[in-house]
Amino acid sequence: MAATERPLRSRMRRDNVDLNELLFQHQVALINANESHQVAFKECHFASVRYYAERIRQRRGELGVSQYRPLVETPAAGESNA
């Protein structure tokens, strides 16, 4: 391969992808879904959102990284907030 040529980047799934890359792609998909005005495009972007959310969940499990904690703690049934 000539020095000026670049290898083709495959869009195939990589199993060792960086968690930060998955988080970034998930955020981009969320932004694209939010900004889409046509239903077909929204559905496509939300499919990407779900895909990246699942990949993030899997990758966190592989790395032993905990899931996000809820921002607001909700009391269990029968408990008071007082």
N, C-alpha and C. Protein backbone atom coordinates (compact mmCIF):
# COMPACT_ATOMS: atom_id res chain seq x y z
N MET A 1 0.85 -1.16 0.00
CA MET A 1 0.00 0.00 0.00
C MET A 1 0.90 1.23 0.00
N ALA A 2 0.58 2.18 -0.85
CA ALA A 2 1.37 3.41 -0.92
C ALA A 2 1.23 4.19 0.37
N ALA A 3 2.22 5.00 0.66
CA ALA A 3 2.22 5.77 1.90
C ALA A 3 1.05 6.74 1.97
N THR A 4 0.55 7.18 0.82
CA THR A 4 -0.55 8.14 0.82
C THR A 4 -1.92 7.48 0.91
N GLU A 5 -1.94 6.16 0.76
CA GLU A 5 -3.21 5.45 0.83
C GLU A 5 -3.56 5.14 2.28
N ARG A 6 -4.85 5.19 2.57
CA ARG A 6 -5.32 4.86 3.90
C ARG A 6 -6.15 3.59 3.82
N PRO A 7 -6.00 2.73 4.80
CA PRO A 7 -6.83 1.53 4.79
C PRO A 7 -8.30 1.91 4.99
N LEU A 8 -9.17 1.15 4.38
CA LEU A 8 -10.59 1.41 4.54
C LEU A 8 -11.00 1.10 5.97
N ARG A 9 -11.81 1.99 6.52
CA ARG A 9 -12.32 1.75 7.86
C ARG A 9 -13.63 1.00 7.73
N SER A 10 -13.68 -0.13 8.33
CA SER A 10 -14.89 -0.95 8.27
C SER A 10 -15.90 -0.45 9.30
N ARG A 11 -17.17 -0.47 8.92
CA ARG A 11 -18.23 -0.11 9.85
C ARG A 11 -18.75 -1.35 10.57
N MET A 12 -18.06 -2.47 10.38
CA MET A 12 -18.46 -3.68 11.07
C MET A 12 -18.25 -3.52 12.56
N ARG A 13 -19.05 -4.21 13.33
CA ARG A 13 -18.97 -4.13 14.78
C ARG A 13 -17.63 -4.63 15.27
N ARG A 14 -17.03 -3.84 16.12
CA ARG A 14 -15.79 -4.25 16.78
C ARG A 14 -16.14 -4.62 18.21
N ASP A 15 -15.70 -5.76 18.66
CA ASP A 15 -16.03 -6.20 20.01
C ASP A 15 -15.23 -5.48 21.08
N ASN A 16 -14.11 -4.93 20.73
CA ASN A 16 -13.26 -4.28 21.73
C ASN A 16 -13.36 -2.76 21.68
N VAL A 17 -14.50 -2.24 21.24
CA VAL A 17 -14.66 -0.80 21.09
C VAL A 17 -14.62 -0.13 22.47
N ASP A 18 -14.05 1.05 22.50
CA ASP A 18 -13.92 1.84 23.71
C ASP A 18 -15.30 2.27 24.21
N LEU A 19 -15.51 2.20 25.51
CA LEU A 19 -16.78 2.59 26.10
C LEU A 19 -17.09 4.06 25.80
N ASN A 20 -16.08 4.91 25.81
CA ASN A 20 -16.31 6.32 25.51
C ASN A 20 -16.81 6.51 24.08
N GLU A 21 -16.33 5.71 23.16
CA GLU A 21 -16.79 5.80 21.76
C GLU A 21 -18.27 5.41 21.68
N LEU A 22 -18.65 4.36 22.40
CA LEU A 22 -20.06 3.95 22.43
C LEU A 22 -20.94 5.04 23.04
N LEU A 23 -20.47 5.65 24.13
CA LEU A 23 -21.23 6.73 24.77
C LEU A 23 -21.38 7.91 23.82
N PHE A 24 -20.31 8.23 23.10
CA PHE A 24 -20.36 9.33 22.13
C PHE A 24 -21.37 9.04 21.03
N GLN A 25 -21.30 7.84 20.45
CA GLN A 25 -22.21 7.48 19.37
C GLN A 25 -23.66 7.46 19.85
N HIS A 26 -23.87 7.04 21.08
CA HIS A 26 -25.21 7.04 21.66
C HIS A 26 -25.74 8.47 21.76
N GLN A 27 -24.90 9.40 22.21
CA GLN A 27 -25.32 10.79 22.31
C GLN A 27 -25.62 11.39 20.94
N VAL A 28 -24.81 11.08 19.95
CA VAL A 28 -25.05 11.56 18.59
C VAL A 28 -26.38 11.02 18.07
N ALA A 29 -26.65 9.75 18.33
CA ALA A 29 -27.92 9.17 17.89
C ALA A 29 -29.10 9.84 18.58
N LEU A 30 -28.96 10.15 19.87
CA LEU A 30 -30.03 10.86 20.59
C LEU A 30 -30.27 12.24 20.00
N ILE A 31 -29.21 12.95 19.70
CA ILE A 31 -29.33 14.28 19.10
C ILE A 31 -30.00 14.19 17.74
N ASN A 32 -29.56 13.24 16.92
CA ASN A 32 -30.14 13.07 15.59
C ASN A 32 -31.62 12.70 15.68
N ALA A 33 -31.97 11.85 16.62
CA ALA A 33 -33.38 11.46 16.77
C ALA A 33 -34.21 12.65 17.20
N ASN A 34 -33.68 13.45 18.09
CA ASN A 34 -34.40 14.62 18.58
C ASN A 34 -34.60 15.66 17.49
N GLU A 35 -33.63 15.78 16.59
CA GLU A 35 -33.70 16.82 15.55
C GLU A 35 -34.40 16.35 14.28
N SER A 36 -34.72 15.07 14.19
CA SER A 36 -35.41 14.56 13.01
C SER A 36 -36.86 15.00 13.01
N HIS A 37 -37.32 15.44 11.86
CA HIS A 37 -38.70 15.90 11.75
C HIS A 37 -39.58 14.88 11.04
N GLN A 38 -39.00 13.98 10.31
CA GLN A 38 -39.77 12.95 9.62
C GLN A 38 -39.80 11.68 10.46
N VAL A 39 -40.96 11.07 10.54
CA VAL A 39 -41.16 9.90 11.38
C VAL A 39 -40.20 8.77 11.01
N ALA A 40 -40.00 8.53 9.74
CA ALA A 40 -39.12 7.44 9.30
C ALA A 40 -37.69 7.66 9.80
N PHE A 41 -37.22 8.90 9.73
CA PHE A 41 -35.86 9.19 10.21
C PHE A 41 -35.77 9.07 11.72
N LYS A 42 -36.81 9.53 12.43
CA LYS A 42 -36.83 9.40 13.89
C LYS A 42 -36.74 7.94 14.29
N GLU A 43 -37.53 7.09 13.63
CA GLU A 43 -37.51 5.67 13.95
C GLU A 43 -36.14 5.06 13.71
N CYS A 44 -35.52 5.45 12.63
CA CYS A 44 -34.17 4.95 12.31
C CYS A 44 -33.17 5.39 13.38
N HIS A 45 -33.23 6.66 13.77
CA HIS A 45 -32.30 7.15 14.78
C HIS A 45 -32.56 6.51 16.14
N PHE A 46 -33.85 6.31 16.49
CA PHE A 46 -34.14 5.65 17.76
C PHE A 46 -33.70 4.20 17.74
N ALA A 47 -33.69 3.56 16.59
CA ALA A 47 -33.15 2.21 16.48
C ALA A 47 -31.65 2.24 16.81
N SER A 48 -30.96 3.28 16.35
CA SER A 48 -29.54 3.45 16.67
C SER A 48 -29.35 3.71 18.16
N VAL A 49 -30.25 4.51 18.74
CA VAL A 49 -30.18 4.79 20.18
C VAL A 49 -30.28 3.49 20.96
N ARG A 50 -31.25 2.65 20.61
CA ARG A 50 -31.42 1.37 21.30
C ARG A 50 -30.21 0.46 21.09
N TYR A 51 -29.69 0.45 19.88
CA TYR A 51 -28.52 -0.38 19.57
C TYR A 51 -27.33 0.02 20.45
N TYR A 52 -27.04 1.32 20.49
CA TYR A 52 -25.90 1.77 21.29
C TYR A 52 -26.14 1.59 22.78
N ALA A 53 -27.37 1.75 23.24
CA ALA A 53 -27.68 1.53 24.66
C ALA A 53 -27.39 0.08 25.03
N GLU A 54 -27.76 -0.84 24.17
CA GLU A 54 -27.50 -2.25 24.43
C GLU A 54 -26.00 -2.54 24.40
N ARG A 55 -25.30 -1.98 23.42
CA ARG A 55 -23.83 -2.17 23.35
C ARG A 55 -23.14 -1.61 24.60
N ILE A 56 -23.62 -0.45 25.08
CA ILE A 56 -23.06 0.16 26.29
C ILE A 56 -23.29 -0.77 27.48
N ARG A 57 -24.51 -1.29 27.59
CA ARG A 57 -24.83 -2.20 28.69
C ARG A 57 -23.92 -3.43 28.65
N GLN A 58 -23.73 -4.00 27.46
CA GLN A 58 -22.87 -5.18 27.32
C GLN A 58 -21.42 -4.86 27.66
N ARG A 59 -20.94 -3.74 27.15
CA ARG A 59 -19.53 -3.38 27.37
C ARG A 59 -19.26 -3.09 28.83
N ARG A 60 -20.21 -2.43 29.50
CA ARG A 60 -20.04 -2.18 30.93
C ARG A 60 -19.97 -3.49 31.70
N GLY A 61 -20.79 -4.44 31.31
CA GLY A 61 -20.74 -5.74 31.96
C GLY A 61 -19.39 -6.42 31.76
N GLU A 62 -18.85 -6.33 30.56
CA GLU A 62 -17.54 -6.92 30.27
C GLU A 62 -16.43 -6.25 31.08
N LEU A 63 -16.55 -4.94 31.27
CA LEU A 63 -15.52 -4.19 31.98
C LEU A 63 -15.73 -4.17 33.49
N GLY A 64 -16.89 -4.64 33.94
CA GLY A 64 -17.19 -4.60 35.36
C GLY A 64 -17.52 -3.21 35.85
N VAL A 65 -18.00 -2.36 34.95
CA VAL A 65 -18.35 -0.99 35.29
C VAL A 65 -19.83 -0.96 35.65
N SER A 66 -20.15 -0.28 36.75
CA SER A 66 -21.55 -0.26 37.20
C SER A 66 -22.40 0.59 36.27
N GLN A 67 -23.69 0.34 36.34
CA GLN A 67 -24.66 1.14 35.59
C GLN A 67 -24.84 2.47 36.29
N TYR A 68 -25.44 3.40 35.59
CA TYR A 68 -25.75 4.68 36.21
C TYR A 68 -26.74 4.48 37.34
N ARG A 69 -26.56 5.24 38.40
CA ARG A 69 -27.55 5.26 39.46
C ARG A 69 -28.63 6.25 39.06
N PRO A 70 -29.86 6.03 39.50
CA PRO A 70 -30.91 7.00 39.18
C PRO A 70 -30.58 8.36 39.78
N LEU A 71 -30.92 9.41 39.08
CA LEU A 71 -30.67 10.76 39.57
C LEU A 71 -31.55 11.08 40.77
N VAL A 72 -32.74 10.51 40.81
CA VAL A 72 -33.67 10.74 41.90
C VAL A 72 -34.00 9.40 42.50
N GLU A 73 -33.78 9.28 43.78
CA GLU A 73 -34.12 8.04 44.47
C GLU A 73 -35.63 8.02 44.71
N THR A 74 -36.27 6.96 44.33
CA THR A 74 -37.71 6.84 44.55
C THR A 74 -37.93 5.89 45.72
N PRO A 75 -38.74 6.30 46.68
CA PRO A 75 -38.97 5.42 47.83
C PRO A 75 -39.74 4.17 47.43
N ALA A 76 -39.43 3.09 48.10
CA ALA A 76 -40.15 1.83 47.86
C ALA A 76 -41.58 1.98 48.34
N ALA A 77 -42.45 1.13 47.86
CA ALA A 77 -43.86 1.18 48.25
C ALA A 77 -43.98 1.07 49.77
N GLY A 78 -44.76 1.95 50.34
CA GLY A 78 -44.98 1.93 51.79
C GLY A 78 -43.99 2.78 52.57
N GLU A 79 -42.93 3.27 51.95
CA GLU A 79 -41.97 4.13 52.64
C GLU A 79 -42.35 5.58 52.45
N SER A 80 -42.01 6.38 53.42
CA SER A 80 -42.29 7.82 53.29
C SER A 80 -41.01 8.55 52.94
N ASN A 81 -41.15 9.74 52.43
CA ASN A 81 -40.01 10.56 52.04
C ASN A 81 -39.59 11.47 53.19
N ALA A 82 -40.26 11.41 54.33
CA ALA A 82 -40.02 12.34 55.43
C ALA A 82 -38.79 12.01 56.19
